[in-house]
C-alpha atoms as a PDB file:
ATOM      1  CA  MET A   1     152.633 156.347  21.801  1.00  0.00           C
ATOM      2  CA  SER A   2     150.979 154.059  24.279  1.00  0.00           C
ATOM      3  CA  PRO A   3     153.361 152.601  26.889  1.00  0.00           C
ATOM      4  CA  HIS A   4     152.100 149.207  25.789  1.00  0.00           C
ATOM      5  CA  ALA A   5     152.173 149.748  22.007  1.00  0.00           C
ATOM      6  CA  GLY A   6     152.251 146.439  20.207  1.00  0.00           C
ATOM      7  CA  ASN A   7     150.938 144.705  23.326  1.00  0.00           C
ATOM      8  CA  PRO A   8     147.226 143.859  22.792  1.00  0.00           C
ATOM      9  CA  ARG A   9     144.793 145.819  24.989  1.00  0.00           C
ATOM     10  CA  GLY A  10     147.692 147.495  26.780  1.00  0.00           C
ATOM     11  CA  ARG A  11     148.360 144.531  29.037  1.00  0.00           C
ATOM     12  CA  PRO A  12     151.465 145.039  31.201  1.00  0.00           C
ATOM     13  CA  ASP A  13     154.585 143.156  30.161  1.00  0.00           C
ATOM     14  CA  SER A  14     154.289 140.873  33.194  1.00  0.00           C
ATOM     15  CA  GLU A  15     151.078 139.447  31.707  1.00  0.00           C
ATOM     16  CA  PHE A  16     152.372 139.380  28.143  1.00  0.00           C
ATOM     17  CA  GLU A  17     155.742 137.720  28.751  1.00  0.00           C
ATOM     18  CA  LEU A  18     156.113 134.106  27.703  1.00  0.00           C
ATOM     19  CA  PRO A  19     158.314 131.406  29.241  1.00  0.00           C
ATOM     20  CA  LYS A  20     161.936 131.389  28.132  1.00  0.00           C
ATOM     21  CA  SER A  21     163.125 128.241  29.928  1.00  0.00           C
ATOM     22  CA  PRO A  22     162.427 124.517  29.509  1.00  0.00           C
ATOM     23  CA  GLY A  23     159.763 122.916  31.656  1.00  0.00           C
ATOM     24  CA  PHE A  24     157.487 125.929  31.959  1.00  0.00           C
ATOM     25  CA  ARG A  25     153.846 125.782  30.987  1.00  0.00           C
ATOM     26  CA  VAL A  26     151.777 128.834  30.183  1.00  0.00           C
ATOM     27  CA  LEU A  27     148.001 128.845  29.806  1.00  0.00           C
ATOM     28  CA  LEU A  28     146.582 131.712  27.795  1.00  0.00           C
ATOM     29  CA  PRO A  29     142.786 131.842  28.187  1.00  0.00           C
ATOM     30  CA  LEU A  30     142.580 134.985  26.058  1.00  0.00           C
ATOM     31  CA  ASP A  31     139.982 136.144  23.588  1.00  0.00           C
ATOM     32  CA  CYS A  32     140.765 136.571  19.906  1.00  0.00           C
ATOM     33  CA  ASN A  33     141.852 140.186  20.291  1.00  0.00           C
ATOM     34  CA  ASP A  34     144.307 139.597  23.116  1.00  0.00           C
ATOM     35  CA  LEU A  35     147.175 137.665  21.625  1.00  0.00           C
ATOM     36  CA  THR A  36     147.740 136.319  18.147  1.00  0.00           C
ATOM     37  CA  CYS A  37     149.495 133.059  17.510  1.00  0.00           C
ATOM     38  CA  SER A  38     152.259 134.955  15.756  1.00  0.00           C
ATOM     39  CA  GLN A  39     153.174 136.724  18.987  1.00  0.00           C
ATOM     40  CA  VAL A  40     153.172 133.476  20.952  1.00  0.00           C
ATOM     41  CA  ALA A  41     155.200 131.563  18.396  1.00  0.00           C
ATOM     42  CA  LYS A  42     157.740 134.332  17.908  1.00  0.00           C
ATOM     43  CA  GLU A  43     158.426 134.593  21.618  1.00  0.00           C
ATOM     44  CA  SER A  44     158.431 130.816  22.189  1.00  0.00           C
ATOM     45  CA  PRO A  45     159.178 129.277  18.780  1.00  0.00           C
ATOM     46  CA  ASN A  46     158.893 125.714  20.073  1.00  0.00           C
ATOM     47  CA  ALA A  47     155.505 126.259  21.663  1.00  0.00           C
ATOM     48  CA  VAL A  48     152.522 124.319  20.310  1.00  0.00           C
ATOM     49  CA  CYS A  49     149.252 126.162  19.839  1.00  0.00           C
ATOM     50  CA  SER A  50     145.898 124.425  19.648  1.00  0.00           C
ATOM     51  CA  PHE A  51     142.845 126.337  18.454  1.00  0.00           C
ATOM     52  CA  ASN A  52     139.280 125.907  19.682  1.00  0.00           C
ATOM     53  CA  SER A  53     137.649 126.398  16.283  1.00  0.00           C
ATOM     54  CA  PHE A  54     138.387 126.856  12.616  1.00  0.00           C
ATOM     55  CA  ASN A  55     139.149 130.527  13.261  1.00  0.00           C
ATOM     56  CA  PRO A  56     142.910 130.519  13.961  1.00  0.00           C
ATOM     57  CA  PHE A  57     142.667 133.568  16.181  1.00  0.00           C
ATOM     58  CA  ASN A  58     140.102 132.214  18.644  1.00  0.00           C
ATOM     59  CA  PRO A  59     141.058 131.404  22.261  1.00  0.00           C
ATOM     60  CA  PHE A  60     143.826 128.881  22.581  1.00  0.00           C
ATOM     61  CA  ASN A  61     146.144 127.259  25.011  1.00  0.00           C
ATOM     62  CA  CYS A  62     149.851 127.342  24.410  1.00  0.00           C
ATOM     63  CA  PHE A  63     152.261 124.974  26.101  1.00  0.00           C
ATOM     64  CA  GLY A  64     155.973 125.615  26.172  1.00  0.00           C
ATOM     65  CA  CYS A  65     157.464 122.354  25.007  1.00  0.00           C
ATOM     66  CA  GLY A  66     160.935 123.204  26.194  1.00  0.00           C
ATOM     67  CA  PHE A  67     163.627 124.536  23.973  1.00  0.00           C
ATOM     68  CA  ALA A  68     166.058 122.345  22.130  1.00  0.00           C
ATOM     69  CA  ALA A  69     169.713 123.098  22.658  1.00  0.00           C
ATOM     70  CA  LEU A  70     170.657 126.119  20.606  1.00  0.00           C
ATOM     71  CA  CYS A  71     173.967 126.413  18.824  1.00  0.00           C
ATOM     72  CA  LEU A  72     175.154 129.989  18.712  1.00  0.00           C
ATOM     73  CA  VAL A  73     176.515 130.901  15.333  1.00  0.00           C
ATOM     74  CA  LEU A  74     178.467 134.075  14.821  1.00  0.00           C
ATOM     75  CA  LEU A  75     177.023 135.965  11.894  1.00  0.00           C
ATOM     76  CA  SER A  76     178.759 138.834  10.160  1.00  0.00           C
ATOM     77  CA  VAL A  77     176.976 141.063   7.711  1.00  0.00           C
ATOM     78  CA  SER A  78     179.140 143.353   5.602  1.00  0.00           C
ATOM     79  CA  ALA A  79     177.715 146.703   4.559  1.00  0.00           C
ATOM     80  CA  GLY A  80     175.230 146.377   1.741  1.00  0.00           C
ATOM     81  CA  THR A  81     175.392 142.566   1.635  1.00  0.00           C
ATOM     82  CA  ALA A  82     172.894 140.014   2.950  1.00  0.00           C
ATOM     83  CA  GLN A  83     174.394 136.749   4.158  1.00  0.00           C
ATOM     84  CA  THR A  84     171.544 134.224   4.541  1.00  0.00           C
ATOM     85  CA  ASN A  85     169.082 132.207   2.493  1.00  0.00           C
ATOM     86  CA  ASN A  86     170.994 131.747  -0.807  1.00  0.00           C
ATOM     87  CA  MET A  87     168.610 131.557  -3.726  1.00  0.00           C
ATOM     88  CA  ASN A  88     168.167 132.488  -7.407  1.00  0.00           C
ATOM     89  CA  GLY A  89     170.552 134.600  -9.476  1.00  0.00           C
ATOM     90  CA  SER A  90     173.103 134.504 -12.249  1.00  0.00           C
ATOM     91  CA  THR A  91     175.780 137.150 -11.674  1.00  0.00           C
ATOM     92  CA  ASN A  92     178.101 138.205  -8.900  1.00  0.00           C
ATOM     93  CA  HIS A  93     176.863 141.794  -8.935  1.00  0.00           C
ATOM     94  CA  THR A  94     174.016 142.300  -6.473  1.00  0.00           C
ATOM     95  CA  GLU A  95     172.068 145.173  -4.991  1.00  0.00           C
ATOM     96  CA  ILE A  96     170.063 145.566  -1.794  1.00  0.00           C
ATOM     97  CA  ALA A  97     166.431 146.496  -1.149  1.00  0.00           C
ATOM     98  CA  THR A  98     165.004 146.946   2.348  1.00  0.00           C
ATOM     99  CA  LEU A  99     161.241 146.688   2.791  1.00  0.00           C
ATOM    100  CA  GLY A 100     158.748 146.242   5.606  1.00  0.00           C
ATOM    101  CA  GLY A 101     155.226 144.965   5.040  1.00  0.00           C
ATOM    102  CA  GLY A 102     154.070 143.499   8.342  1.00  0.00           C
ATOM    103  CA  CYS A 103     155.336 140.251   9.806  1.00  0.00           C
ATOM    104  CA  PHE A 104     158.695 139.456   8.223  1.00  0.00           C
ATOM    105  CA  TRP A 105     157.877 135.744   8.166  1.00  0.00           C
ATOM    106  CA  CYS A 106     155.259 136.554   5.506  1.00  0.00           C
ATOM    107  CA  THR A 107     157.247 138.935   3.341  1.00  0.00           C
ATOM    108  CA  GLU A 108     160.339 136.728   3.503  1.00  0.00           C
ATOM    109  CA  ALA A 109     158.385 133.744   2.172  1.00  0.00           C
ATOM    110  CA  ILE A 110     156.980 135.771  -0.736  1.00  0.00           C
ATOM    111  CA  PHE A 111     160.216 137.386  -1.911  1.00  0.00           C
ATOM    112  CA  GLN A 112     162.143 134.122  -1.676  1.00  0.00           C
ATOM    113  CA  MET A 113     160.136 132.885  -4.658  1.00  0.00           C
ATOM    114  CA  LEU A 114     161.217 135.615  -7.059  1.00  0.00           C
ATOM    115  CA  PRO A 115     163.772 134.743  -9.774  1.00  0.00           C
ATOM    116  CA  GLY A 116     166.831 136.945  -9.393  1.00  0.00           C
ATOM    117  CA  VAL A 117     166.534 137.179  -5.608  1.00  0.00           C
ATOM    118  CA  LYS A 118     169.668 135.716  -4.086  1.00  0.00           C
ATOM    119  CA  SER A 119     168.815 136.075  -0.400  1.00  0.00           C
ATOM    120  CA  VAL A 120     166.184 137.422   1.963  1.00  0.00           C
ATOM    121  CA  THR A 121     167.180 138.317   5.509  1.00  0.00           C
ATOM    122  CA  SER A 122     164.761 139.257   8.294  1.00  0.00           C
ATOM    123  CA  GLY A 123     165.654 142.109  10.603  1.00  0.00           C
ATOM    124  CA  TYR A 124     164.728 145.435  12.131  1.00  0.00           C
ATOM    125  CA  ALA A 125     165.110 148.999  10.855  1.00  0.00           C
ATOM    126  CA  GLY A 126     163.593 152.450  10.998  1.00  0.00           C
ATOM    127  CA  GLY A 127     164.075 153.029  14.725  1.00  0.00           C
ATOM    128  CA  ALA A 128     166.670 154.416  17.123  1.00  0.00           C
ATOM    129  CA  LYS A 129     167.455 151.500  19.456  1.00  0.00           C
ATOM    130  CA  GLU A 130     170.788 149.815  18.760  1.00  0.00           C
ATOM    131  CA  ASN A 131     170.981 146.018  18.688  1.00  0.00           C
ATOM    132  CA  PRO A 132     167.235 145.592  19.247  1.00  0.00           C
ATOM    133  CA  THR A 133     165.817 142.226  20.250  1.00  0.00           C
ATOM    134  CA  TYR A 134     162.527 140.846  19.027  1.00  0.00           C
ATOM    135  CA  HIS A 135     160.989 141.296  22.473  1.00  0.00           C
ATOM    136  CA  GLU A 136     161.989 144.977  22.515  1.00  0.00           C
ATOM    137  CA  VAL A 137     160.655 145.585  19.011  1.00  0.00           C
ATOM    138  CA  CYS A 138     157.396 143.829  19.866  1.00  0.00           C
ATOM    139  CA  ALA A 139     156.934 146.111  22.878  1.00  0.00           C
ATOM    140  CA  GLY A 140     156.730 149.040  20.453  1.00  0.00           C
ATOM    141  CA  ASP A 141     159.288 151.260  22.165  1.00  0.00           C
ATOM    142  CA  THR A 142     162.242 150.993  19.754  1.00  0.00           C
ATOM    143  CA  GLY A 143     160.720 152.688  16.722  1.00  0.00           C
ATOM    144  CA  HIS A 144     161.878 149.784  14.566  1.00  0.00           C
ATOM    145  CA  ALA A 145     159.742 147.915  12.055  1.00  0.00           C
ATOM    146  CA  GLU A 146     160.034 144.271  11.094  1.00  0.00           C
ATOM    147  CA  VAL A 147     161.707 144.390   7.678  1.00  0.00           C
ATOM    148  CA  ILE A 148     163.436 142.180   5.172  1.00  0.00           C
ATOM    149  CA  GLN A 149     166.660 142.943   3.340  1.00  0.00           C
ATOM    150  CA  ILE A 150     166.666 141.543  -0.184  1.00  0.00           C
ATOM    151  CA  GLN A 151     169.881 140.828  -2.042  1.00  0.00           C
ATOM    152  CA  TYR A 152     169.074 140.633  -5.741  1.00  0.00           C
ATOM    153  CA  ASP A 153     170.645 140.466  -9.175  1.00  0.00           C
ATOM    154  CA  PRO A 154     169.543 143.628 -11.049  1.00  0.00           C
ATOM    155  CA  THR A 155     170.192 141.931 -14.394  1.00  0.00           C
ATOM    156  CA  VAL A 156     167.446 139.417 -13.562  1.00  0.00           C
ATOM    157  CA  ILE A 157     164.975 141.448 -11.498  1.00  0.00           C
ATOM    158  CA  SER A 158     164.730 145.206 -11.112  1.00  0.00           C
ATOM    159  CA  TYR A 159     164.107 147.312  -8.041  1.00  0.00           C
ATOM    160  CA  ASP A 160     160.862 148.456  -9.654  1.00  0.00           C
ATOM    161  CA  LYS A 161     159.723 144.837  -9.948  1.00  0.00           C
ATOM    162  CA  LEU A 162     160.524 144.215  -6.294  1.00  0.00           C
ATOM    163  CA  LEU A 163     158.347 147.211  -5.420  1.00  0.00           C
ATOM    164  CA  GLU A 164     155.489 145.849  -7.546  1.00  0.00           C
ATOM    165  CA  THR A 165     155.655 142.634  -5.550  1.00  0.00           C
ATOM    166  CA  PHE A 166     155.829 144.657  -2.332  1.00  0.00           C
ATOM    167  CA  TRP A 167     152.466 146.321  -3.035  1.00  0.00           C
ATOM    168  CA  GLU A 168     150.931 142.944  -3.852  1.00  0.00           C
ATOM    169  CA  ALA A 169     152.346 141.144  -0.814  1.00  0.00           C
ATOM    170  CA  HIS A 170     150.645 143.280   1.863  1.00  0.00           C
ATOM    171  CA  ASP A 171     148.003 145.938   2.442  1.00  0.00           C
ATOM    172  CA  PRO A 172     149.777 149.318   2.384  1.00  0.00           C
ATOM    173  CA  THR A 173     146.618 151.205   3.380  1.00  0.00           C
ATOM    174  CA  THR A 174     146.361 149.950   6.976  1.00  0.00           C
ATOM    175  CA  LEU A 175     148.278 152.052   9.490  1.00  0.00           C
ATOM    176  CA  ASP A 176     150.504 150.052  11.841  1.00  0.00           C
ATOM    177  CA  ARG A 177     148.660 146.840  11.107  1.00  0.00           C
ATOM    178  CA  GLN A 178     148.658 143.792   8.835  1.00  0.00           C
ATOM    179  CA  GLY A 179     145.768 141.399   9.409  1.00  0.00           C
ATOM    180  CA  PRO A 180     145.866 140.122  13.001  1.00  0.00           C
ATOM    181  CA  ASP A 181     149.243 141.747  13.719  1.00  0.00           C
ATOM    182  CA  ALA A 182     148.969 145.273  15.117  1.00  0.00           C
ATOM    183  CA  GLY A 183     151.656 147.701  16.265  1.00  0.00           C
ATOM    184  CA  THR A 184     154.142 150.165  14.819  1.00  0.00           C
ATOM    185  CA  GLN A 185     156.578 147.304  14.172  1.00  0.00           C
ATOM    186  CA  TYR A 186     154.147 146.044  11.509  1.00  0.00           C
ATOM    187  CA  ARG A 187     153.935 149.337   9.619  1.00  0.00           C
ATOM    188  CA  SER A 188     154.398 149.523   5.859  1.00  0.00           C
ATOM    189  CA  ILE A 189     157.800 151.023   5.094  1.00  0.00           C
ATOM    190  CA  ILE A 190     160.347 151.350   2.290  1.00  0.00           C
ATOM    191  CA  LEU A 191     163.899 152.174   3.390  1.00  0.00           C
ATOM    192  CA  TYR A 192     165.933 153.457   0.468  1.00  0.00           C
ATOM    193  CA  GLY A 193     169.689 153.141   0.185  1.00  0.00           C
ATOM    194  CA  SER A 194     170.237 155.733  -2.545  1.00  0.00           C
ATOM    195  CA  GLU A 195     168.589 158.726  -4.169  1.00  0.00           C
ATOM    196  CA  ALA A 196     167.691 156.538  -7.143  1.00  0.00           C
ATOM    197  CA  GLN A 197     165.823 154.127  -4.866  1.00  0.00           C
ATOM    198  CA  LYS A 198     164.003 157.033  -3.218  1.00  0.00           C
ATOM    199  CA  VAL A 199     162.808 158.375  -6.579  1.00  0.00           C
ATOM    200  CA  ALA A 200     161.785 154.877  -7.718  1.00  0.00           C
ATOM    201  CA  ALA A 201     159.888 154.237  -4.474  1.00  0.00           C
ATOM    202  CA  GLU A 202     157.943 157.503  -4.652  1.00  0.00           C
ATOM    203  CA  LYS A 203     157.057 156.878  -8.294  1.00  0.00           C
ATOM    204  CA  SER A 204     156.017 153.288  -7.582  1.00  0.00           C
ATOM    205  CA  LYS A 205     153.874 154.390  -4.630  1.00  0.00           C
ATOM    206  CA  ALA A 206     152.030 156.900  -6.814  1.00  0.00           C
ATOM    207  CA  GLN A 207     151.375 154.234  -9.440  1.00  0.00           C
ATOM    208  CA  ALA A 208     150.244 151.702  -6.840  1.00  0.00           C
ATOM    209  CA  GLN A 209     147.762 154.177  -5.356  1.00  0.00           C
ATOM    210  CA  LYS A 210     145.637 153.794  -8.492  1.00  0.00           C
ATOM    211  CA  HIS A 211     144.865 150.230  -7.421  1.00  0.00           C
ATOM    212  CA  PHE A 212     143.734 151.059  -3.869  1.00  0.00           C
ATOM    213  CA  SER A 213     140.569 152.869  -2.810  1.00  0.00           C
ATOM    214  CA  GLN A 214     142.115 153.979   0.486  1.00  0.00           C
ATOM    215  CA  PRO A 215     145.250 156.153   0.796  1.00  0.00           C
ATOM    216  CA  ILE A 216     148.571 154.301   0.941  1.00  0.00           C
ATOM    217  CA  VAL A 217     150.265 155.003   4.282  1.00  0.00           C
ATOM    218  CA  THR A 218     153.655 153.470   3.445  1.00  0.00           C
ATOM    219  CA  GLU A 219     156.631 155.408   4.802  1.00  0.00           C
ATOM    220  CA  ILE A 220     159.536 156.116   2.453  1.00  0.00           C
ATOM    221  CA  VAL A 221     162.617 156.898   4.537  1.00  0.00           C
ATOM    222  CA  PRO A 222     166.405 156.563   4.270  1.00  0.00           C
ATOM    223  CA  LEU A 223     167.969 153.369   5.602  1.00  0.00           C
ATOM    224  CA  LYS A 224     170.239 154.272   8.512  1.00  0.00           C
ATOM    225  CA  LYS A 225     170.971 150.823   9.864  1.00  0.00           C
ATOM    226  CA  PHE A 226     169.691 147.293   9.331  1.00  0.00           C
ATOM    227  CA  TRP A 227     169.763 145.052  12.403  1.00  0.00           C
ATOM    228  CA  LEU A 228     169.766 141.311  11.855  1.00  0.00           C
ATOM    229  CA  ALA A 229     166.879 139.508  13.557  1.00  0.00           C
ATOM    230  CA  GLU A 230     167.380 136.464  15.770  1.00  0.00           C
ATOM    231  CA  ASN A 231     168.446 133.318  13.970  1.00  0.00           C
ATOM    232  CA  TYR A 232     165.151 131.485  14.490  1.00  0.00           C
ATOM    233  CA  HIS A 233     163.342 134.152  12.450  1.00  0.00           C
ATOM    234  CA  GLN A 234     165.413 133.376   9.344  1.00  0.00           C
ATOM    235  CA  ASP A 235     163.774 131.039   6.797  1.00  0.00           C
ATOM    236  CA  TYR A 236     160.897 130.736   9.239  1.00  0.00           C
ATOM    237  CA  TYR A 237     158.179 129.575   6.859  1.00  0.00           C
ATOM    238  CA  ARG A 238     160.476 127.089   5.120  1.00  0.00           C
ATOM    239  CA  ASP A 239     161.551 125.604   8.442  1.00  0.00           C
ATOM    240  CA  ASN A 240     158.120 125.680  10.108  1.00  0.00           C
ATOM    241  CA  PRO A 241     155.448 125.163   7.428  1.00  0.00           C
ATOM    242  CA  ASN A 242     153.090 123.422   9.854  1.00  0.00           C
ATOM    243  CA  GLN A 243     153.284 126.024  12.601  1.00  0.00           C
ATOM    244  CA  PRO A 244     149.688 127.322  13.132  1.00  0.00           C
ATOM    245  CA  TYR A 245     150.406 130.902  12.043  1.00  0.00           C
ATOM    246  CA  CYS A 246     152.262 129.625   8.986  1.00  0.00           C
ATOM    247  CA  ARG A 247     149.388 127.339   8.005  1.00  0.00           C
ATOM    248  CA  SER A 248     146.598 129.842   8.518  1.00  0.00           C
ATOM    249  CA  VAL A 249     148.194 133.143   7.485  1.00  0.00           C
ATOM    250  CA  ILE A 250     151.346 132.642   5.414  1.00  0.00           C
ATOM    251  CA  ARG A 251     150.507 129.546   3.380  1.00  0.00           C
ATOM    252  CA  PRO A 252     147.410 131.064   1.664  1.00  0.00           C
ATOM    253  CA  LYS A 253     149.476 134.110   0.663  1.00  0.00           C
ATOM    254  CA  VAL A 254     152.325 131.968  -0.624  1.00  0.00           C
ATOM    255  CA  GLU A 255     150.026 129.691  -2.630  1.00  0.00           C
ATOM    256  CA  LYS A 256     148.207 132.659  -4.154  1.00  0.00           C
ATOM    257  CA  PHE A 257     151.444 134.387  -5.127  1.00  0.00           C
ATOM    258  CA  GLU A 258     152.977 131.144  -6.414  1.00  0.00           C
ATOM    259  CA  LYS A 259     149.995 130.633  -8.718  1.00  0.00           C
ATOM    260  CA  LYS A 260     150.266 134.171 -10.073  1.00  0.00           C
ATOM    261  CA  LEU A 261     154.026 133.803 -10.528  1.00  0.00           C
ATOM    262  CA  LYS A 262     153.593 130.637 -12.599  1.00  0.00           C
ATOM    263  CA  GLU A 263     151.001 132.353 -14.773  1.00  0.00           C
ATOM    264  CA  THR A 264     153.270 135.309 -15.527  1.00  0.00           C
ATOM    265  CA  GLN A 265     156.159 132.993 -16.397  1.00  0.00           C
ATOM    266  CA  ARG A 266     154.215 131.065 -19.050  1.00  0.00           C
END
């Protein structure tokens, strides 16, 4: 693995790091392959990006606007239970699915729309580093992928149906990449919590392969530990619909899926 995996063009961390404190200004005169808006926004969520053309990944300047005061909230996640983003559902019995399909902002927004899904929580899994931070995961050295943990009511939506949506919500044939986001943290991965989930995932992958001309590269591995992502990653699209990455990348996916969902519910 490259020492700068996940860092475009192998730039050293000193060039990649973004300001963490109020009052700093950073100018990024980079070309479209150097740094995507998603990386800028995730490191400095209050930064404002302005693009030079209609292509959202052209050169841009990013100015740290200064961070608002953050209230630290203690979050506890009991084993097998997701605690954020309450949504649809009708019973108290829930099950958990853990999936990774690129940027968790995107997959979170898609799965939040499904009837029977009670919560979607963004986090990290699949690696060895304990208590990973976003910055560490982005550097590509932790082995973790950006994933979502879905708490769902199996009497309303099945695990198989969640997997069907998973194949539709991202491209499982691109290795360590989803659109403009590249790195092992963006790999396609299914983390099963039981033997039944493993069997279902392998069967679903085989069925999905019929719809792709290229081989599916999705990993199917046991879930060892799910690490909750930073609070500002949770409900990101809902809270930041006008953020440049949300407008240009997530919104088209959400609108497309929403249209299909309405058609299937008729």
